[in-house]
């Protein structure tokens, strides 16, 4: 039986374990997170694994796990970095002709007049977001230049700490009344989608209390998500779409997506996932 080292959180691992076992893949959770690890005594047996499933989100810990395992990954470190860098991902998508929100990248600290000029080029409000956080952390809607100054002052203070590696943020157009979809693309095909809706406010992150209901997307939106995954060259990708009456754009991507309840995926999801794991193990 093929051995798969799963570095995603335990919720994803528990959902995928039995369906993959039914398809000849033994999945085991591996992690050095929040543990004391002797580097000559791994907390798991590396010889049991033929492939890894999604490089760990804490990249330094991932480097340790990767050194222990020495296996190919479904979504390796490079894929995770391509997706996590919001500005880099949006620039790559735009270059490939994939529609994205109008966005300005700011490397902090930047000239205050240039930042204000960038803001004033938009129709307020705008969305300000750290370049490399997840789950909606630090994302703010800004209505005027004075408020923007306050937000950027705060970001500059945070970025003062040397341990903060990414000192950048985005200023992005705000799309009114946009429907928010998370589309899962696996090995070049859409395998499921949910529409996310917050009971209050405009942030639709599930980790912040938004509901996520399974939906059947029209072909145009499915093709948009597939194009995004192809442009970023990521095999298993969560693609966030914002859709208004006149536009559909890729807002963000996630190369470490949580696997949801099986009923939110289309038929054949685990067959396709198993095939990708088997192909990865052959590299």
Protein backbone atom coordinates (compact mmCIF):
# COMPACT_ATOMS: atom_id res chain seq x y z
CA UNK A 1 0.00 0.00 0.00
CA UNK A 2 1.33 3.42 -0.94
CA UNK A 3 2.23 5.60 2.06
CA UNK A 4 1.16 9.26 2.10
CA UNK A 5 2.53 11.72 4.66
CA UNK A 6 -0.19 14.30 5.32
CA UNK A 7 1.06 17.61 6.69
CA UNK A 8 -2.30 19.43 6.55
CA UNK A 9 -4.24 19.97 9.74
CA UNK A 10 -5.85 17.01 11.48
CA UNK A 11 -9.33 17.92 10.19
CA UNK A 12 -8.24 17.49 6.58
CA UNK A 13 -6.30 14.34 7.45
CA UNK A 14 -9.26 12.70 9.18
CA UNK A 15 -11.57 13.39 6.24
CA UNK A 16 -9.21 12.00 3.62
CA UNK A 17 -7.81 8.99 5.49
CA UNK A 18 -10.61 6.44 4.98
CA UNK A 19 -11.51 7.37 1.37
CA UNK A 20 -7.84 7.10 0.37
CA UNK A 21 -7.44 3.80 2.25
CA UNK A 22 -10.31 2.43 0.16
CA UNK A 23 -8.19 3.32 -2.88
CA UNK A 24 -4.96 1.69 -1.73
CA UNK A 25 -3.29 4.69 -0.08
CA UNK A 26 -2.31 4.65 3.60
CA UNK A 27 -2.42 8.23 4.90
CA UNK A 28 -0.67 9.18 8.13
CA UNK A 29 -0.43 12.60 9.76
CA UNK A 30 3.12 13.93 10.17
CA UNK A 31 4.19 17.09 11.97
CA UNK A 32 6.88 18.64 14.13
CA UNK A 33 4.65 21.60 14.98
CA UNK A 34 4.61 22.58 18.66
CA UNK A 35 6.88 19.68 19.55
CA UNK A 36 10.47 19.22 20.70
CA UNK A 37 12.12 17.22 17.92
CA UNK A 38 15.53 15.56 18.04
CA UNK A 39 16.98 15.83 14.56
CA UNK A 40 18.41 12.31 14.61
CA UNK A 41 15.20 10.79 15.95
CA UNK A 42 12.17 11.68 13.76
CA UNK A 43 8.74 11.42 15.44
CA UNK A 44 7.58 9.19 12.56
CA UNK A 45 9.16 6.47 10.43
CA UNK A 46 10.28 8.14 7.17
CA UNK A 47 10.58 4.79 5.38
CA UNK A 48 6.79 4.35 5.50
CA UNK A 49 6.10 7.11 2.97
CA UNK A 50 6.22 7.45 -0.80
CA UNK A 51 4.75 10.98 -1.14
CA UNK A 52 3.72 13.97 0.91
CA UNK A 53 0.42 15.86 0.84
CA UNK A 54 0.87 19.64 0.85
CA UNK A 55 4.05 21.16 2.23
CA UNK A 56 3.55 22.49 5.79
CA UNK A 57 2.37 26.07 6.17
CA UNK A 58 5.11 26.94 8.64
CA UNK A 59 7.89 26.74 6.09
CA UNK A 60 10.78 26.24 8.53
CA UNK A 61 8.97 23.31 10.13
CA UNK A 62 8.20 22.09 6.63
CA UNK A 63 11.90 22.08 5.83
CA UNK A 64 12.52 19.77 8.78
CA UNK A 65 9.68 17.41 7.82
CA UNK A 66 10.86 17.43 4.22
CA UNK A 67 14.42 16.55 5.29
CA UNK A 68 13.12 13.62 7.33
CA UNK A 69 10.90 12.31 4.54
CA UNK A 70 12.77 13.07 1.29
CA UNK A 71 9.63 12.44 -0.80
CA UNK A 72 7.86 14.33 -3.61
CA UNK A 73 4.90 16.46 -2.53
CA UNK A 74 1.43 17.15 -3.84
CA UNK A 75 1.85 20.95 -3.68
CA UNK A 76 5.49 21.34 -2.73
CA UNK A 77 7.16 24.30 -1.04
CA UNK A 78 7.41 26.29 -4.28
CA UNK A 79 3.70 25.81 -5.01
CA UNK A 80 2.73 26.95 -1.51
CA UNK A 81 4.92 30.05 -1.85
CA UNK A 82 3.49 30.92 -5.28
CA UNK A 83 0.00 30.90 -3.84
CA UNK A 84 0.78 32.51 -0.48
CA UNK A 85 2.40 35.57 -2.05
CA UNK A 86 -0.84 37.38 -2.90
CA UNK A 87 0.83 40.05 -5.04
CA UNK A 88 3.01 37.55 -6.86
CA UNK A 89 0.02 35.31 -7.57
CA UNK A 90 -2.10 38.20 -8.84
CA UNK A 91 0.73 39.42 -11.06
CA UNK A 92 1.19 35.92 -12.50
CA UNK A 93 -2.55 35.57 -13.12
CA UNK A 94 -2.83 38.98 -14.76
CA UNK A 95 0.12 38.18 -17.03
CA UNK A 96 -1.67 34.98 -18.07
CA UNK A 97 -4.84 36.92 -18.93
CA UNK A 98 -6.79 35.80 -15.86
CA UNK A 99 -8.94 38.70 -14.55
CA UNK A 100 -8.00 39.97 -11.08
CA UNK A 101 -9.01 43.01 -8.99
CA UNK A 102 -7.19 46.28 -9.65
CA UNK A 103 -4.37 46.09 -7.11
CA UNK A 104 -1.32 48.08 -5.98
CA UNK A 105 1.59 46.42 -4.16
CA UNK A 106 3.30 48.41 -1.41
CA UNK A 107 6.66 47.42 0.07
CA UNK A 108 6.71 48.94 3.53
CA UNK A 109 7.91 51.51 4.48
CA UNK A 110 7.05 53.39 1.30
CA UNK A 111 6.85 57.08 0.55
CA UNK A 112 3.66 58.43 2.16
CA UNK A 113 2.79 60.66 -0.80
CA UNK A 114 3.11 57.72 -3.20
CA UNK A 115 0.87 55.57 -1.01
CA UNK A 116 -1.74 58.31 -0.75
CA UNK A 117 -1.61 58.87 -4.52
CA UNK A 118 -2.15 55.16 -5.07
CA UNK A 119 -5.19 55.27 -2.79
CA UNK A 120 -6.63 58.35 -4.49
CA UNK A 121 -6.45 56.61 -7.87
CA UNK A 122 -9.18 54.25 -6.65
CA UNK A 123 -12.83 54.97 -5.98
CA UNK A 124 -13.12 54.62 -2.20
CA UNK A 125 -13.47 52.41 -0.29
CA UNK A 126 -10.48 50.17 -0.89
CA UNK A 127 -9.36 46.94 0.67
CA UNK A 128 -5.99 46.92 2.42
CA UNK A 129 -4.51 43.49 3.13
CA UNK A 130 -1.15 42.10 4.25
CA UNK A 131 0.54 40.33 1.37
CA UNK A 132 1.09 36.95 2.97
CA UNK A 133 -1.45 36.32 5.72
CA UNK A 134 -4.31 33.81 5.51
CA UNK A 135 -7.86 33.45 6.83
CA UNK A 136 -8.60 37.16 6.39
CA UNK A 137 -6.13 38.25 9.07
CA UNK A 138 -5.38 41.97 8.87
CA UNK A 139 -7.73 42.66 5.95
CA UNK A 140 -9.32 46.11 6.31
CA UNK A 141 -11.76 48.24 4.34
CA UNK A 142 -10.61 51.86 4.16
CA UNK A 143 -12.91 54.73 3.20
CA UNK A 144 -10.62 57.78 3.28
CA UNK A 145 -6.97 58.79 3.07
CA UNK A 146 -6.68 59.62 6.79
CA UNK A 147 -7.87 56.14 7.71
CA UNK A 148 -5.39 54.70 5.23
CA UNK A 149 -2.60 56.61 7.02
CA UNK A 150 -3.65 55.00 10.29
CA UNK A 151 -3.66 51.52 8.81
CA UNK A 152 -0.29 51.96 7.12
CA UNK A 153 1.20 53.43 10.32
CA UNK A 154 0.09 50.29 12.12
CA UNK A 155 1.52 48.06 9.42
CA UNK A 156 4.82 49.93 9.52
CA UNK A 157 4.95 49.40 13.29
CA UNK A 158 4.32 45.68 12.87
CA UNK A 159 6.86 45.45 10.07
CA UNK A 160 9.50 47.08 12.32
CA UNK A 161 10.07 43.73 13.99
CA UNK A 162 12.97 41.96 12.27
CA UNK A 163 11.24 38.58 12.54
CA UNK A 164 8.53 39.80 10.17
CA UNK A 165 9.86 38.62 6.84
CA UNK A 166 7.24 40.11 4.53
CA UNK A 167 7.01 43.89 4.86
CA UNK A 168 4.39 44.42 2.17
CA UNK A 169 0.68 44.91 1.70
CA UNK A 170 -1.87 45.44 -1.04
CA UNK A 171 -4.28 48.26 -1.80
CA UNK A 172 -7.11 46.77 -3.81
CA UNK A 173 -10.39 47.87 -5.31
CA UNK A 174 -13.53 47.00 -3.33
CA UNK A 175 -16.19 45.17 -5.34
CA UNK A 176 -19.66 46.05 -4.11
CA UNK A 177 -22.25 43.29 -3.73
CA UNK A 178 -19.82 40.62 -4.93
CA UNK A 179 -20.70 36.98 -4.45
CA UNK A 180 -17.78 35.08 -2.92
CA UNK A 181 -16.95 31.55 -4.12
CA UNK A 182 -14.21 29.11 -3.12
CA UNK A 183 -13.62 26.77 -6.05
CA UNK A 184 -11.51 23.63 -5.66
CA UNK A 185 -9.38 22.68 -8.64
CA UNK A 186 -7.72 19.27 -8.59
CA UNK A 187 -5.38 18.10 -11.32
CA UNK A 188 -6.80 20.54 -13.87
CA UNK A 189 -10.52 20.07 -13.16
CA UNK A 190 -13.07 21.68 -10.86
CA UNK A 191 -14.06 19.15 -8.19
CA UNK A 192 -16.34 21.31 -6.06
CA UNK A 193 -17.33 24.84 -5.08
CA UNK A 194 -18.97 26.65 -2.19
CA UNK A 195 -20.50 30.08 -1.91
CA UNK A 196 -19.38 31.84 1.25
CA UNK A 197 -21.61 34.36 2.98
CA UNK A 198 -21.01 36.14 6.26
CA UNK A 199 -24.07 36.81 8.47
CA UNK A 200 -22.72 40.30 9.16
CA UNK A 201 -20.04 42.35 7.46
CA UNK A 202 -18.18 41.91 4.18
CA UNK A 203 -15.47 39.36 5.07
CA UNK A 204 -16.55 35.92 3.92
CA UNK A 205 -13.85 33.77 5.50
CA UNK A 206 -15.21 30.51 6.92
CA UNK A 207 -12.67 30.71 9.75
CA UNK A 208 -14.39 33.96 10.77
CA UNK A 209 -17.88 32.51 10.89
CA UNK A 210 -19.09 32.68 7.30
CA UNK A 211 -21.38 29.95 6.00
CA UNK A 212 -20.22 27.86 3.04
CA UNK A 213 -22.91 26.15 0.96
CA UNK A 214 -22.10 23.83 -1.92
CA UNK A 215 -23.03 25.23 -5.34
CA UNK A 216 -22.93 24.21 -8.99
CA UNK A 217 -21.04 26.89 -10.87
CA UNK A 218 -21.66 27.94 -14.47
CA UNK A 219 -19.03 26.83 -16.95
CA UNK A 220 -17.56 30.33 -17.30
CA UNK A 221 -16.63 30.45 -13.61
CA UNK A 222 -15.36 26.87 -13.64
CA UNK A 223 -13.09 27.72 -16.55
CA UNK A 224 -11.82 30.81 -14.72
CA UNK A 225 -10.77 28.72 -11.71
CA UNK A 226 -9.08 26.11 -13.91
CA UNK A 227 -7.19 28.85 -15.76
CA UNK A 228 -5.95 30.24 -12.43
CA UNK A 229 -4.62 26.87 -11.29
CA UNK A 230 -2.92 26.34 -14.64
CA UNK A 231 -1.30 29.78 -14.57
CA UNK A 232 0.11 29.15 -11.09
CA UNK A 233 0.99 25.51 -11.91
CA UNK A 234 -0.56 24.16 -8.70
CA UNK A 235 -2.16 20.70 -8.76
CA UNK A 236 -4.58 21.15 -5.84
CA UNK A 237 -5.74 24.73 -5.43
CA UNK A 238 -8.48 26.67 -3.72
CA UNK A 239 -9.43 29.58 -5.99
CA UNK A 240 -11.41 32.48 -4.50
CA UNK A 241 -13.69 34.22 -6.98
CA UNK A 242 -15.51 37.50 -6.53
CA UNK A 243 -18.47 37.78 -8.89
CA UNK A 244 -20.59 40.86 -9.51
CA UNK A 245 -23.29 41.48 -12.10
CA UNK A 246 -20.68 42.53 -14.66
CA UNK A 247 -17.38 40.98 -13.57
CA UNK A 248 -15.74 37.84 -12.24
CA UNK A 249 -12.20 38.02 -10.85
CA UNK A 250 -9.78 35.76 -9.01
CA UNK A 251 -9.25 37.45 -5.66
CA UNK A 252 -6.90 35.02 -3.89
CA UNK A 253 -5.64 31.44 -4.10
CA UNK A 254 -4.77 28.82 -1.49
CA UNK A 255 -2.35 25.97 -2.16
CA UNK A 256 -3.00 24.54 1.32
CA UNK A 257 -6.79 24.21 1.16
CA UNK A 258 -8.78 22.39 3.80
CA UNK A 259 -10.56 19.29 2.51
CA UNK A 260 -14.25 19.79 3.23
CA UNK A 261 -17.11 17.35 3.81
CA UNK A 262 -17.40 14.94 0.90
CA UNK A 263 -20.90 16.12 -0.07
CA UNK A 264 -19.41 19.46 -1.13
CA UNK A 265 -17.37 17.78 -3.86
CA UNK A 266 -18.38 16.33 -7.18
CA UNK A 267 -18.45 12.60 -7.89
CA UNK A 268 -15.01 11.14 -8.36
CA UNK A 269 -13.18 13.62 -6.12
CA UNK A 270 -11.28 10.97 -4.16
CA UNK A 271 -10.59 8.91 -7.27
CA UNK A 272 -8.95 11.95 -8.83
CA UNK A 273 -7.07 12.76 -5.62
CA UNK A 274 -5.78 9.20 -5.34
CA UNK A 275 -4.60 9.28 -8.95
CA UNK A 276 -2.70 12.53 -8.29
CA UNK A 277 -1.04 11.04 -5.18
CA UNK A 278 0.01 7.94 -7.14
CA UNK A 279 1.44 10.04 -9.95
CA UNK A 280 3.29 12.26 -7.48
CA UNK A 281 4.86 9.21 -5.81
CA UNK A 282 6.26 8.12 -9.18
CA UNK A 283 8.32 11.29 -9.66
